C-alpha atoms as a PDB file:
ATOM      1  CA  GLN A   1      90.186 -71.061  10.595  1.00  0.00           C
ATOM      2  CA  VAL A   2      89.929 -72.507  14.068  1.00  0.00           C
ATOM      3  CA  GLN A   3      88.542 -70.637  17.050  1.00  0.00           C
ATOM      4  CA  LEU A   4      89.614 -71.523  20.579  1.00  0.00           C
ATOM      5  CA  VAL A   5      87.945 -70.447  23.806  1.00  0.00           C
ATOM      6  CA  GLU A   6      89.479 -71.238  27.182  1.00  0.00           C
ATOM      7  CA  SER A   7      87.681 -71.408  30.494  1.00  0.00           C
ATOM      8  CA  GLY A   8      88.261 -72.669  34.013  1.00  0.00           C
ATOM      9  CA  GLY A   9      90.935 -70.357  35.288  1.00  0.00           C
ATOM     10  CA  GLY A  10      90.793 -68.763  38.704  1.00  0.00           C
ATOM     11  CA  MET A  11      92.482 -68.429  42.046  1.00  0.00           C
ATOM     12  CA  VAL A  12      93.424 -71.387  44.210  1.00  0.00           C
ATOM     13  CA  GLN A  13      95.639 -72.072  47.184  1.00  0.00           C
ATOM     14  CA  ALA A  14      98.865 -74.005  46.827  1.00  0.00           C
ATOM     15  CA  GLY A  15      98.175 -77.724  46.709  1.00  0.00           C
ATOM     16  CA  GLY A  16      94.786 -77.206  45.138  1.00  0.00           C
ATOM     17  CA  SER A  17      93.451 -78.193  41.737  1.00  0.00           C
ATOM     18  CA  LEU A  18      91.901 -76.559  38.691  1.00  0.00           C
ATOM     19  CA  ARG A  19      90.707 -77.887  35.363  1.00  0.00           C
ATOM     20  CA  LEU A  20      91.044 -75.751  32.270  1.00  0.00           C
ATOM     21  CA  SER A  21      88.912 -76.332  29.195  1.00  0.00           C
ATOM     22  CA  CYS A  22      89.482 -75.272  25.622  1.00  0.00           C
ATOM     23  CA  ALA A  23      86.578 -75.488  23.199  1.00  0.00           C
ATOM     24  CA  ALA A  24      87.512 -75.559  19.523  1.00  0.00           C
ATOM     25  CA  SER A  25      85.261 -74.614  16.627  1.00  0.00           C
ATOM     26  CA  GLY A  26      85.634 -74.073  12.904  1.00  0.00           C
ATOM     27  CA  ARG A  27      87.895 -76.272  10.779  1.00  0.00           C
ATOM     28  CA  THR A  28      88.863 -78.596  13.609  1.00  0.00           C
ATOM     29  CA  ALA A  29      89.412 -81.473  11.173  1.00  0.00           C
ATOM     30  CA  SER A  30      92.560 -79.669  10.028  1.00  0.00           C
ATOM     31  CA  MET A  31      94.140 -79.815  13.478  1.00  0.00           C
ATOM     32  CA  TYR A  32      97.005 -82.221  14.157  1.00  0.00           C
ATOM     33  CA  ALA A  33      97.518 -81.308  17.801  1.00  0.00           C
ATOM     34  CA  MET A  34      96.381 -78.988  20.550  1.00  0.00           C
ATOM     35  CA  GLY A  35      98.512 -77.648  23.311  1.00  0.00           C
ATOM     36  CA  TRP A  36      98.569 -75.592  26.469  1.00  0.00           C
ATOM     37  CA  PHE A  37     101.101 -72.860  27.040  1.00  0.00           C
ATOM     38  CA  ARG A  38     101.547 -70.390  29.871  1.00  0.00           C
ATOM     39  CA  GLN A  39     103.127 -67.019  30.382  1.00  0.00           C
ATOM     40  CA  ALA A  40     103.964 -65.559  33.758  1.00  0.00           C
ATOM     41  CA  PRO A  41     104.617 -61.834  34.236  1.00  0.00           C
ATOM     42  CA  GLU A  42     107.959 -60.770  32.758  1.00  0.00           C
ATOM     43  CA  LYS A  43     108.667 -64.295  31.542  1.00  0.00           C
ATOM     44  CA  GLU A  44     108.575 -65.889  28.130  1.00  0.00           C
ATOM     45  CA  ARG A  45     105.708 -68.090  27.106  1.00  0.00           C
ATOM     46  CA  GLU A  46     106.443 -71.732  27.801  1.00  0.00           C
ATOM     47  CA  PHE A  47     105.081 -75.060  26.617  1.00  0.00           C
ATOM     48  CA  VAL A  48     103.020 -76.939  29.201  1.00  0.00           C
ATOM     49  CA  ALA A  49     101.411 -79.908  27.453  1.00  0.00           C
ATOM     50  CA  ALA A  50     100.099 -81.120  24.101  1.00  0.00           C
ATOM     51  CA  ILE A  51      97.925 -83.864  22.701  1.00  0.00           C
ATOM     52  CA  THR A  52      97.522 -85.169  19.186  1.00  0.00           C
ATOM     53  CA  TRP A  53      93.968 -84.784  18.013  1.00  0.00           C
ATOM     54  CA  SER A  54      93.459 -88.206  16.423  1.00  0.00           C
ATOM     55  CA  GLY A  55      95.780 -90.525  18.315  1.00  0.00           C
ATOM     56  CA  GLY A  56      95.572 -88.884  21.693  1.00  0.00           C
ATOM     57  CA  TYR A  57      99.309 -89.060  22.298  1.00  0.00           C
ATOM     58  CA  THR A  58     100.255 -86.727  25.127  1.00  0.00           C
ATOM     59  CA  TYR A  59     103.336 -84.705  25.980  1.00  0.00           C
ATOM     60  CA  HIS A  60     104.005 -82.795  29.195  1.00  0.00           C
ATOM     61  CA  ALA A  61     106.742 -80.397  30.203  1.00  0.00           C
ATOM     62  CA  ASP A  62     109.059 -81.693  32.897  1.00  0.00           C
ATOM     63  CA  SER A  63     107.915 -78.921  35.232  1.00  0.00           C
ATOM     64  CA  VAL A  64     104.351 -80.265  35.284  1.00  0.00           C
ATOM     65  CA  LYS A  65     104.805 -84.013  34.827  1.00  0.00           C
ATOM     66  CA  GLY A  66     102.972 -85.951  37.492  1.00  0.00           C
ATOM     67  CA  ARG A  67     100.846 -82.921  38.389  1.00  0.00           C
ATOM     68  CA  PHE A  68      99.132 -81.820  35.156  1.00  0.00           C
ATOM     69  CA  THR A  69      97.296 -84.015  32.678  1.00  0.00           C
ATOM     70  CA  ILE A  70      96.099 -83.073  29.220  1.00  0.00           C
ATOM     71  CA  SER A  71      93.160 -84.891  27.695  1.00  0.00           C
ATOM     72  CA  ARG A  72      90.609 -84.401  24.951  1.00  0.00           C
ATOM     73  CA  ASP A  73      87.010 -85.151  24.101  1.00  0.00           C
ATOM     74  CA  ASN A  74      86.765 -85.291  20.333  1.00  0.00           C
ATOM     75  CA  ALA A  75      82.981 -85.451  20.398  1.00  0.00           C
ATOM     76  CA  LYS A  76      82.928 -82.103  22.159  1.00  0.00           C
ATOM     77  CA  ASN A  77      85.940 -80.662  20.319  1.00  0.00           C
ATOM     78  CA  THR A  78      87.357 -79.837  23.708  1.00  0.00           C
ATOM     79  CA  VAL A  79      90.768 -80.217  25.296  1.00  0.00           C
ATOM     80  CA  TYR A  80      91.296 -80.188  29.048  1.00  0.00           C
ATOM     81  CA  LEU A  81      94.195 -79.503  31.355  1.00  0.00           C
ATOM     82  CA  GLN A  82      93.749 -81.026  34.798  1.00  0.00           C
ATOM     83  CA  MET A  83      96.106 -79.282  37.183  1.00  0.00           C
ATOM     84  CA  ASN A  84      96.756 -80.849  40.577  1.00  0.00           C
ATOM     85  CA  SER A  85      99.180 -80.018  43.375  1.00  0.00           C
ATOM     86  CA  LEU A  86      99.373 -76.462  42.145  1.00  0.00           C
ATOM     87  CA  LYS A  87     102.306 -74.312  43.193  1.00  0.00           C
ATOM     88  CA  PRO A  88     102.688 -70.527  43.312  1.00  0.00           C
ATOM     89  CA  GLU A  89     105.136 -70.799  40.402  1.00  0.00           C
ATOM     90  CA  ASP A  90     102.286 -72.156  38.260  1.00  0.00           C
ATOM     91  CA  THR A  91     100.700 -68.696  38.356  1.00  0.00           C
ATOM     92  CA  ALA A  92     100.384 -67.483  34.779  1.00  0.00           C
ATOM     93  CA  VAL A  93      98.024 -66.794  31.929  1.00  0.00           C
ATOM     94  CA  TYR A  94      97.300 -70.138  30.294  1.00  0.00           C
ATOM     95  CA  TYR A  95      96.712 -70.283  26.556  1.00  0.00           C
ATOM     96  CA  CYS A  96      95.214 -73.001  24.431  1.00  0.00           C
ATOM     97  CA  ALA A  97      96.632 -73.420  20.939  1.00  0.00           C
ATOM     98  CA  ALA A  98      96.093 -75.576  17.882  1.00  0.00           C
ATOM     99  CA  ARG A  99      98.574 -76.752  15.302  1.00  0.00           C
ATOM    100  CA  ARG A 100      97.988 -78.009  11.759  1.00  0.00           C
ATOM    101  CA  ARG A 101     101.390 -79.483  11.054  1.00  0.00           C
ATOM    102  CA  VAL A 102     102.676 -82.845  12.242  1.00  0.00           C
ATOM    103  CA  GLY A 103     104.416 -82.686  15.584  1.00  0.00           C
ATOM    104  CA  VAL A 104     103.613 -80.971  18.860  1.00  0.00           C
ATOM    105  CA  TYR A 105     106.636 -78.730  19.257  1.00  0.00           C
ATOM    106  CA  GLY A 106     107.318 -75.573  17.341  1.00  0.00           C
ATOM    107  CA  GLU A 107     104.940 -72.978  16.029  1.00  0.00           C
ATOM    108  CA  TYR A 108     101.198 -73.221  16.641  1.00  0.00           C
ATOM    109  CA  ASP A 109      98.694 -71.740  14.220  1.00  0.00           C
ATOM    110  CA  TYR A 110      95.719 -70.718  16.343  1.00  0.00           C
ATOM    111  CA  TRP A 111      95.512 -69.302  19.848  1.00  0.00           C
ATOM    112  CA  GLY A 112      92.856 -68.666  22.443  1.00  0.00           C
ATOM    113  CA  GLN A 113      92.534 -65.483  24.434  1.00  0.00           C
ATOM    114  CA  GLY A 114      94.034 -66.953  27.596  1.00  0.00           C
ATOM    115  CA  THR A 115      92.759 -67.598  31.098  1.00  0.00           C
ATOM    116  CA  GLN A 116      94.402 -66.460  34.320  1.00  0.00           C
ATOM    117  CA  VAL A 117      95.509 -68.995  36.910  1.00  0.00           C
ATOM    118  CA  THR A 118      96.677 -67.631  40.253  1.00  0.00           C
ATOM    119  CA  VAL A 119      98.064 -69.888  42.968  1.00  0.00           C
ATOM    120  CA  SER A 120      98.497 -68.347  46.404  1.00  0.00           C
ATOM    121  CA  SER A 121     100.949 -69.632  48.992  1.00  0.00           C
END
């Protein structure tokens, strides 16, 4: 089992920045990748970014490329999502997730509880 705890959400004005953190514990050695997803009210959950745990290869959704950056600190078992130039449409609950299988797309095995990000215009 892997436990994930997100932090760093909050309210910010458009154009501002936030950094989300996701601390992993448990059988982290079994993880292939970690990702960030988000879900806005009345919308489906969508992929935001992912990073492979060992190689550090990163993937970002087109909607956040150039604004968001995923990174990791293996020593701290923590993944970050730096969000810059935030827009009101970025408002959502952001979830951290971990995946055991090879690849960063598709089903993830473990999920955090989510952290709210609200961007005001």
